Amino acid sequence: MRSAQAFWIVGLIGLLGLVRWVHGAGSPLMVPLTIIQSAPSKGAVCLDGSAPAYHFSPGFGSGVNNWIIDLEGGGWCNNRRTCQFRKTTRHGSSKYMEKQILFSGILSNKPDENPDFYNWNRARIRYCDGASFASEGYDQASGLYFRGQRIWSAAMEEMMSKGMRSANQVLLTGCSAGGLATILHCDQFQALFPGNTKVKCLADAGMFLDVADVSGGNSIRSFFQGTVDMLGVAKNLPGTCTSRMDATSCFFPENLVGNIQTPIFLLNSAYDVWQLQESLAPGKADPTGAWKNCRLDYKTCTSDQIQFLQGFRNKMVNVVQGFSVSRQNGVFLNSCFAHCQSGLQDTWYASNSPTLENKGIAKSVGDWYFDRAAVKAIDCAYPCDNTCHHVVM
């Protein structure tokens, strides 16, 4: 089922991260699940009607008044069938969510793994609405609740009650569908705080592009249109976009990032493997299987296939370059076959982490957040970068 395929890459990457952690030094930080008990009374529920949830690790020392809010990713559903399937998984129901999860990378509590943010309050908001925390509606025939925007509000109220209301510095982040959610909610997040609170956003692997697939069709636009229409997303999209474009176009970050007022950092691969799998060369667009091997292992791609992927990179670079003109924004766009790089320890901060301009991801994000240096790092085209951690399925 496509709804399952939509987040399998993220799950595999997370599992690889846990394996590396277990075999690495130190003890992994496992953080328990907390149900937002007050949420259902506000209509803030997962697809199946269960209460939403989060994981929270408190700050300490100098970071006690600083907060990172991480919005979980995991694909989308786009019709009744895929949403019904999704509600039987952890991405549609808190009944199936893990009772504890690993906090690593940007959520690590160890200074040698996360030097700038290790002692901050860190929370991951679990994702269970199927539309990047932006849905609103109810499908009576199937008993599906589309309440992502309400989950966002309930989660923020919960964090405020835990002390975020008096935060000095805050960072909203998320990977994949959570990266898109970060882009959608960045200005809403800033609006929660007084003017003297430092508020910034980090979108990891959230730059989903509106591009043609290998058949000449547009698989990702068709999929996103189903999500927007089925899950009632249009009413929660930024008016700065919907006033000039259709709602589906306004679910694509390329049409949103230029109007975000809050400082935001885009961390992305120019050869995003999720988009290769699901947007550029999904099975329906590749009936002969010509792209099957390339989808699974970049080293098997033909010269023609690499040329097609270079066209995708070119559009990504164009979008990011326009966005990066704003002095307050930051960019780390590397030429890796990857997806989500802030949550894994070996890509976030390790001795062999990916680098651009002699600077790793964690240092780049930290320099940008704390205004130590401007970060507008855009890689040369594949295969020039030998620091990549390529994902091979």
Protein backbone atom coordinates (compact mmCIF):
# COMPACT_ATOMS: atom_id res chain seq x y z
CA MET A 1 0.00 0.00 0.00
CA ARG A 2 1.27 3.44 -0.91
CA SER A 3 0.58 4.80 2.59
CA ALA A 4 3.01 2.25 3.99
CA GLN A 5 5.58 3.01 1.29
CA ALA A 6 5.33 6.71 2.05
CA PHE A 7 7.30 6.41 5.30
CA TRP A 8 9.30 3.18 5.00
CA ILE A 9 12.51 5.01 4.15
CA VAL A 10 12.26 7.18 7.28
CA GLY A 11 11.62 4.10 9.40
CA LEU A 12 14.60 2.27 7.94
CA ILE A 13 16.88 5.26 8.45
CA GLY A 14 15.71 5.47 12.07
CA LEU A 15 16.40 1.77 12.60
CA LEU A 16 19.89 2.13 11.13
CA GLY A 17 20.48 5.00 13.52
CA LEU A 18 19.45 2.88 16.50
CA VAL A 19 21.71 0.02 15.39
CA ARG A 20 24.66 2.42 15.07
CA TRP A 21 23.85 3.86 18.48
CA VAL A 22 23.66 0.49 20.20
CA HIS A 23 27.03 -0.49 18.75
CA GLY A 24 28.57 2.89 19.50
CA ALA A 25 29.81 4.46 22.69
CA GLY A 26 27.58 5.54 25.56
CA SER A 27 24.04 4.66 26.54
CA PRO A 28 21.19 5.61 24.22
CA LEU A 29 18.65 8.09 25.56
CA MET A 30 15.29 6.32 25.48
CA VAL A 31 12.39 8.70 26.19
CA PRO A 32 8.91 7.51 27.26
CA LEU A 33 5.63 8.28 25.53
CA THR A 34 3.23 10.80 27.10
CA ILE A 35 -0.42 10.96 26.04
CA ILE A 36 -2.01 14.44 25.85
CA GLN A 37 -5.01 13.57 27.98
CA SER A 38 -6.74 16.92 27.50
CA ALA A 39 -6.57 16.83 23.70
CA PRO A 40 -9.70 14.75 22.81
CA SER A 41 -11.99 17.22 24.59
CA LYS A 42 -10.76 19.81 22.07
CA GLY A 43 -11.30 17.47 19.12
CA ALA A 44 -7.54 17.00 18.79
CA VAL A 45 -7.27 13.31 17.95
CA CYS A 46 -5.38 10.94 15.65
CA LEU A 47 -6.96 9.40 12.55
CA ASP A 48 -8.62 6.68 14.63
CA GLY A 49 -9.87 9.05 17.34
CA SER A 50 -7.18 8.21 19.91
CA ALA A 51 -5.41 10.96 21.85
CA PRO A 52 -2.17 12.42 20.41
CA ALA A 53 1.15 12.01 22.19
CA TYR A 54 4.73 13.20 22.55
CA HIS A 55 8.10 12.35 24.10
CA PHE A 56 9.84 14.84 26.38
CA SER A 57 13.33 15.09 27.84
CA PRO A 58 13.78 18.05 30.23
CA GLY A 59 16.52 20.63 29.90
CA PHE A 60 19.20 21.22 32.49
CA GLY A 61 21.94 23.66 33.42
CA SER A 62 22.23 26.61 31.05
CA GLY A 63 19.62 25.10 28.73
CA VAL A 64 16.76 24.90 31.21
CA ASN A 65 14.90 27.82 29.59
CA ASN A 66 15.54 26.79 25.98
CA TRP A 67 13.38 24.44 23.91
CA ILE A 68 13.53 22.26 20.80
CA ILE A 69 10.20 21.04 19.44
CA ASP A 70 10.58 18.26 16.88
CA LEU A 71 7.62 17.38 14.64
CA GLU A 72 7.75 13.70 13.70
CA GLY A 73 7.59 12.76 10.03
CA GLY A 74 6.29 9.70 8.23
CA GLY A 75 4.61 10.33 4.88
CA TRP A 76 0.94 11.12 4.24
CA CYS A 77 -2.31 9.43 3.30
CA ASN A 78 -4.35 10.73 0.38
CA ASN A 79 -7.63 8.81 0.17
CA ARG A 80 -9.99 6.78 2.30
CA ARG A 81 -8.17 3.50 1.67
CA THR A 82 -4.68 4.75 2.54
CA CYS A 83 -5.93 6.68 5.57
CA GLN A 84 -7.81 3.64 6.86
CA PHE A 85 -4.63 1.61 6.59
CA ARG A 86 -2.67 4.36 8.29
CA LYS A 87 -4.95 4.43 11.32
CA THR A 88 -3.84 0.87 12.10
CA THR A 89 -0.23 2.07 12.46
CA ARG A 90 1.71 4.36 14.80
CA HIS A 91 1.28 7.14 12.23
CA GLY A 92 -2.48 7.12 12.66
CA SER A 93 -3.10 6.01 16.22
CA SER A 94 -1.39 6.47 19.57
CA LYS A 95 -2.46 2.89 20.39
CA TYR A 96 0.36 1.65 18.17
CA MET A 97 3.06 4.16 19.10
CA GLU A 98 6.25 2.92 20.71
CA LYS A 99 6.25 3.32 24.48
CA GLN A 100 9.71 4.84 24.28
CA ILE A 101 11.93 6.10 21.46
CA LEU A 102 15.56 7.01 20.94
CA PHE A 103 16.60 10.65 21.15
CA SER A 104 19.77 11.12 19.10
CA GLY A 105 21.32 13.71 16.83
CA ILE A 106 19.74 17.09 17.47
CA LEU A 107 17.73 15.55 20.35
CA SER A 108 20.71 13.98 22.11
CA ASN A 109 21.41 15.01 25.71
CA LYS A 110 25.18 14.56 25.42
CA PRO A 111 27.54 17.49 24.69
CA ASP A 112 29.89 15.35 22.61
CA GLU A 113 27.00 14.42 20.31
CA ASN A 114 24.98 17.63 20.25
CA PRO A 115 27.19 20.47 21.49
CA ASP A 116 24.82 23.41 20.97
CA PHE A 117 21.48 21.94 22.08
CA TYR A 118 22.24 18.96 24.34
CA ASN A 119 20.90 20.53 27.55
CA TRP A 120 17.79 22.14 26.12
CA ASN A 121 14.27 20.91 26.78
CA ARG A 122 13.64 18.52 23.88
CA ALA A 123 10.26 17.20 22.74
CA ARG A 124 9.13 15.11 19.79
CA ILE A 125 5.48 15.53 18.88
CA ARG A 126 4.16 12.29 17.41
CA TYR A 127 2.58 12.45 13.96
CA CYS A 128 -0.80 10.79 13.52
CA ASP A 129 -3.03 12.91 11.26
CA GLY A 130 -1.59 12.02 7.83
CA ALA A 131 -1.25 15.61 6.57
CA SER A 132 1.78 17.21 8.26
CA PHE A 133 -0.25 18.48 11.23
CA ALA A 134 -2.47 20.52 8.88
CA SER A 135 -5.68 18.50 8.44
CA GLU A 136 -9.18 19.44 9.54
CA GLY A 137 -12.34 17.41 9.01
CA TYR A 138 -14.13 14.12 9.66
CA ASP A 139 -15.06 11.34 7.27
CA GLN A 140 -18.19 9.81 8.74
CA ALA A 141 -18.34 6.88 6.35
CA SER A 142 -14.98 5.56 7.52
CA GLY A 143 -14.80 7.10 10.98
CA LEU A 144 -11.59 8.95 10.12
CA TYR A 145 -10.65 12.07 12.06
CA PHE A 146 -8.55 14.68 10.28
CA ARG A 147 -7.44 16.90 13.15
CA GLY A 148 -3.79 17.69 12.57
CA GLN A 149 -4.10 21.43 13.10
CA ARG A 150 -5.88 20.82 16.39
CA ILE A 151 -3.16 18.33 17.41
CA TRP A 152 -0.58 21.03 16.70
CA SER A 153 -2.46 23.49 18.93
CA ALA A 154 -2.99 20.95 21.72
CA ALA A 155 0.68 19.95 21.66
CA MET A 156 1.81 23.56 21.82
CA GLU A 157 -0.53 24.21 24.76
CA GLU A 158 0.96 21.16 26.49
CA MET A 159 4.51 22.41 25.94
CA MET A 160 3.57 25.89 27.15
CA SER A 161 2.19 24.36 30.35
CA LYS A 162 5.49 22.52 30.86
CA GLY A 163 7.47 25.79 30.83
CA MET A 164 7.95 26.73 27.18
CA ARG A 165 5.89 29.86 27.77
CA SER A 166 8.89 31.46 29.52
CA ALA A 167 11.51 30.19 27.06
CA ASN A 168 14.47 32.36 26.15
CA GLN A 169 15.32 30.49 22.95
CA VAL A 170 13.25 28.01 20.92
CA LEU A 171 13.74 25.98 17.77
CA LEU A 172 11.01 24.23 15.81
CA THR A 173 12.26 21.35 13.70
CA GLY A 174 11.11 18.23 11.90
CA CYS A 175 12.19 15.73 9.25
CA SER A 176 10.42 14.70 6.03
CA ALA A 177 6.66 15.18 6.52
CA GLY A 178 7.73 16.79 9.80
CA GLY A 179 10.01 19.09 7.80
CA LEU A 180 7.04 20.14 5.69
CA ALA A 181 5.04 20.59 8.91
CA THR A 182 7.82 22.84 10.23
CA ILE A 183 7.58 25.01 7.12
CA LEU A 184 3.77 25.16 7.40
CA HIS A 185 3.79 26.05 11.11
CA CYS A 186 6.95 28.14 11.47
CA ASP A 187 5.24 31.53 11.64
CA GLN A 188 2.47 30.09 13.83
CA PHE A 189 5.17 28.91 16.20
CA GLN A 190 6.76 32.35 16.39
CA ALA A 191 3.37 33.90 17.12
CA LEU A 192 3.19 31.92 20.38
CA PHE A 193 6.03 33.90 21.94
CA PRO A 194 6.75 37.50 22.96
CA GLY A 195 9.14 39.53 20.84
CA ASN A 196 12.09 38.99 23.17
CA THR A 197 12.11 35.20 22.67
CA LYS A 198 14.54 33.96 20.01
CA VAL A 199 12.50 31.82 17.62
CA LYS A 200 13.86 29.96 14.59
CA CYS A 201 12.91 26.89 12.53
CA LEU A 202 14.87 24.02 10.96
CA ALA A 203 13.26 21.97 8.17
CA ASP A 204 15.14 18.73 7.50
CA ALA A 205 14.34 16.89 4.22
CA GLY A 206 11.14 18.91 3.88
CA MET A 207 11.71 20.42 0.43
CA PHE A 208 9.31 18.30 -1.62
CA LEU A 209 9.35 19.63 -5.17
CA ASP A 210 6.48 19.88 -7.66
CA VAL A 211 8.24 18.05 -10.50
CA ALA A 212 7.49 15.66 -13.35
CA ASP A 213 8.22 11.97 -12.82
CA VAL A 214 10.11 9.70 -15.20
CA SER A 215 6.96 9.06 -17.28
CA GLY A 216 6.30 12.78 -17.79
CA GLY A 217 3.39 12.74 -15.34
CA ASN A 218 3.30 14.34 -11.91
CA SER A 219 2.94 11.61 -9.30
CA ILE A 220 3.68 13.78 -6.28
CA ARG A 221 1.22 16.52 -7.28
CA SER A 222 -1.53 13.94 -7.78
CA PHE A 223 -0.72 12.43 -4.40
CA PHE A 224 -0.61 15.77 -2.58
CA GLN A 225 -3.87 16.85 -4.21
CA GLY A 226 -5.55 13.82 -2.67
CA THR A 227 -4.10 14.70 0.73
CA VAL A 228 -5.17 18.33 0.51
CA ASP A 229 -8.69 17.47 -0.69
CA MET A 230 -9.42 14.39 1.44
CA LEU A 231 -7.98 15.70 4.69
CA GLY A 232 -9.26 19.29 4.55
CA VAL A 233 -5.84 20.89 4.45
CA ALA A 234 -6.70 23.98 2.37
CA LYS A 235 -8.17 26.01 5.24
CA ASN A 236 -4.92 25.66 7.22
CA LEU A 237 -2.52 26.67 4.47
CA PRO A 238 -0.92 30.15 4.57
CA GLY A 239 -3.11 32.83 3.07
CA THR A 240 -0.03 34.45 1.56
CA CYS A 241 0.01 31.46 -0.80
CA THR A 242 -3.66 30.50 -1.22
CA SER A 243 -4.51 34.07 -2.21
CA ARG A 244 -2.50 33.59 -5.39
CA MET A 245 -2.28 29.82 -6.01
CA ASP A 246 -4.38 26.67 -5.73
CA ALA A 247 -4.32 24.76 -2.45
CA THR A 248 -2.28 21.83 -3.76
CA SER A 249 0.46 24.19 -4.95
CA CYS A 250 0.47 25.69 -1.47
CA PHE A 251 1.31 22.29 0.06
CA PHE A 252 4.62 22.38 -1.82
CA PRO A 253 7.37 24.14 0.20
CA GLU A 254 8.83 25.85 -2.87
CA ASN A 255 5.72 28.07 -2.88
CA LEU A 256 5.84 28.74 0.86
CA VAL A 257 9.40 29.35 2.05
CA GLY A 258 9.76 32.74 0.40
CA ASN A 259 6.94 34.19 2.51
CA ILE A 260 7.96 32.83 5.91
CA GLN A 261 8.76 35.72 8.22
CA THR A 262 10.52 33.67 10.91
CA PRO A 263 14.20 32.77 10.36
CA ILE A 264 14.34 29.27 8.90
CA PHE A 265 17.12 26.86 7.93
CA LEU A 266 16.70 24.34 5.10
CA LEU A 267 18.69 21.13 5.53
CA ASN A 268 18.22 18.88 2.51
CA SER A 269 19.85 16.52 0.08
CA ALA A 270 19.79 17.55 -3.56
CA TYR A 271 19.15 13.87 -4.39
CA ASP A 272 16.52 13.13 -1.78
CA VAL A 273 16.00 9.35 -1.80
CA TRP A 274 12.37 9.57 -0.67
CA GLN A 275 11.58 11.78 -3.64
CA LEU A 276 13.52 9.46 -5.95
CA GLN A 277 11.41 6.55 -4.67
CA GLU A 278 7.99 8.14 -4.45
CA SER A 279 8.00 11.30 -6.57
CA LEU A 280 10.47 10.91 -9.43
CA ALA A 281 10.37 7.17 -10.15
CA PRO A 282 7.48 5.49 -8.33
CA GLY A 283 6.40 2.09 -9.58
CA LYS A 284 3.34 3.42 -11.43
CA ALA A 285 5.53 5.78 -13.44
CA ASP A 286 8.03 3.00 -14.20
CA PRO A 287 5.99 0.01 -15.46
CA THR A 288 8.97 -1.63 -17.16
CA GLY A 289 11.11 -1.44 -14.03
CA ALA A 290 13.87 0.52 -15.77
CA TRP A 291 14.40 2.60 -12.62
CA LYS A 292 14.08 -0.22 -10.08
CA ASN A 293 17.81 -0.71 -9.45
CA CYS A 294 18.55 3.02 -9.49
CA ARG A 295 15.83 3.62 -6.91
CA LEU A 296 17.47 1.14 -4.55
CA ASP A 297 21.14 1.97 -5.13
CA TYR A 298 22.43 5.18 -6.68
CA LYS A 299 25.57 3.36 -7.89
CA THR A 300 23.47 1.36 -10.37
CA CYS A 301 21.95 4.44 -12.05
CA THR A 302 22.75 4.84 -15.73
CA SER A 303 24.26 8.02 -17.15
CA ASP A 304 20.84 8.98 -18.54
CA GLN A 305 19.24 8.43 -15.14
CA ILE A 306 21.89 10.51 -13.42
CA GLN A 307 21.26 13.25 -15.98
CA PHE A 308 17.55 13.17 -15.09
CA LEU A 309 18.43 13.42 -11.41
CA GLN A 310 20.72 16.36 -12.15
CA GLY A 311 17.66 18.15 -13.51
CA PHE A 312 15.92 17.54 -10.18
CA ARG A 313 18.95 18.89 -8.34
CA ASN A 314 19.01 21.97 -10.55
CA LYS A 315 15.45 22.84 -9.57
CA MET A 316 16.24 22.23 -5.90
CA VAL A 317 19.26 24.54 -6.14
CA ASN A 318 17.22 27.25 -7.87
CA VAL A 319 14.53 27.16 -5.17
CA VAL A 320 17.04 27.17 -2.34
CA GLN A 321 19.16 29.95 -3.84
CA GLY A 322 16.15 32.23 -4.10
CA PHE A 323 15.16 31.43 -0.52
CA SER A 324 18.68 32.00 0.80
CA VAL A 325 18.81 35.60 -0.40
CA SER A 326 17.19 36.60 2.89
CA ARG A 327 19.95 37.30 5.38
CA GLN A 328 18.08 35.63 8.25
CA ASN A 329 17.75 32.25 6.53
CA GLY A 330 20.24 29.38 6.38
CA VAL A 331 20.91 26.54 3.93
CA PHE A 332 22.81 23.26 3.96
CA LEU A 333 22.10 21.50 0.65
CA ASN A 334 24.44 18.58 0.08
CA SER A 335 24.69 16.29 -2.95
CA CYS A 336 23.99 13.04 -1.13
CA PHE A 337 21.49 10.29 -1.79
CA ALA A 338 19.95 10.71 1.64
CA HIS A 339 16.80 11.66 3.54
CA CYS A 340 16.72 13.18 7.05
CA GLN A 341 20.13 14.06 8.45
CA SER A 342 19.52 15.89 11.75
CA GLY A 343 18.18 12.99 13.81
CA LEU A 344 20.92 10.46 13.11
CA GLN A 345 24.07 10.77 15.16
CA ASP A 346 26.44 9.86 12.35
CA THR A 347 25.11 12.55 10.03
CA TRP A 348 24.34 15.20 12.65
CA TYR A 349 27.61 15.24 14.61
CA ALA A 350 30.32 12.60 14.34
CA SER A 351 33.93 12.42 13.22
CA ASN A 352 32.90 11.47 9.68
CA SER A 353 29.67 13.46 9.33
CA PRO A 354 28.82 15.10 5.98
CA THR A 355 30.43 18.51 5.55
CA LEU A 356 30.13 21.53 3.32
CA GLU A 357 32.70 24.31 3.31
CA ASN A 358 34.61 22.33 5.96
CA LYS A 359 31.68 22.46 8.35
CA GLY A 360 29.37 19.66 9.49
CA ILE A 361 25.60 19.85 9.82
CA ALA A 362 25.44 20.42 13.57
CA LYS A 363 28.06 23.18 13.44
CA SER A 364 26.31 24.80 10.46
CA VAL A 365 22.92 24.81 12.20
CA GLY A 366 24.47 26.05 15.44
CA ASP A 367 26.39 28.85 13.74
CA TRP A 368 23.19 29.98 12.01
CA TYR A 369 20.96 29.71 15.09
CA PHE A 370 23.31 31.61 17.39
CA ASP A 371 24.28 34.14 14.69
CA ARG A 372 27.92 33.09 14.82
CA ALA A 373 28.14 32.99 11.04
CA ALA A 374 25.95 33.10 7.93
CA VAL A 375 25.38 29.63 6.44
CA LYS A 376 24.45 29.43 2.75
CA ALA A 377 26.11 26.13 1.84
CA ILE A 378 25.13 24.58 -1.52
CA ASP A 379 27.09 21.56 -2.72
CA CYS A 380 28.50 20.91 -6.17
CA ALA A 381 26.74 18.21 -8.23
CA TYR A 382 27.09 14.46 -7.61
CA PRO A 383 29.56 12.75 -7.42
CA CYS A 384 31.83 15.49 -6.08
CA ASP A 385 31.09 15.11 -2.33
CA ASN A 386 33.06 12.33 -0.63
CA THR A 387 31.68 13.11 2.85
CA CYS A 388 28.16 11.85 2.06
CA HIS A 389 26.40 9.08 3.94
CA HIS A 390 24.45 7.68 1.01
CA VAL A 391 21.36 5.58 1.72
CA VAL A 392 21.30 2.25 -0.13
CA MET A 393 18.26 0.00 0.29
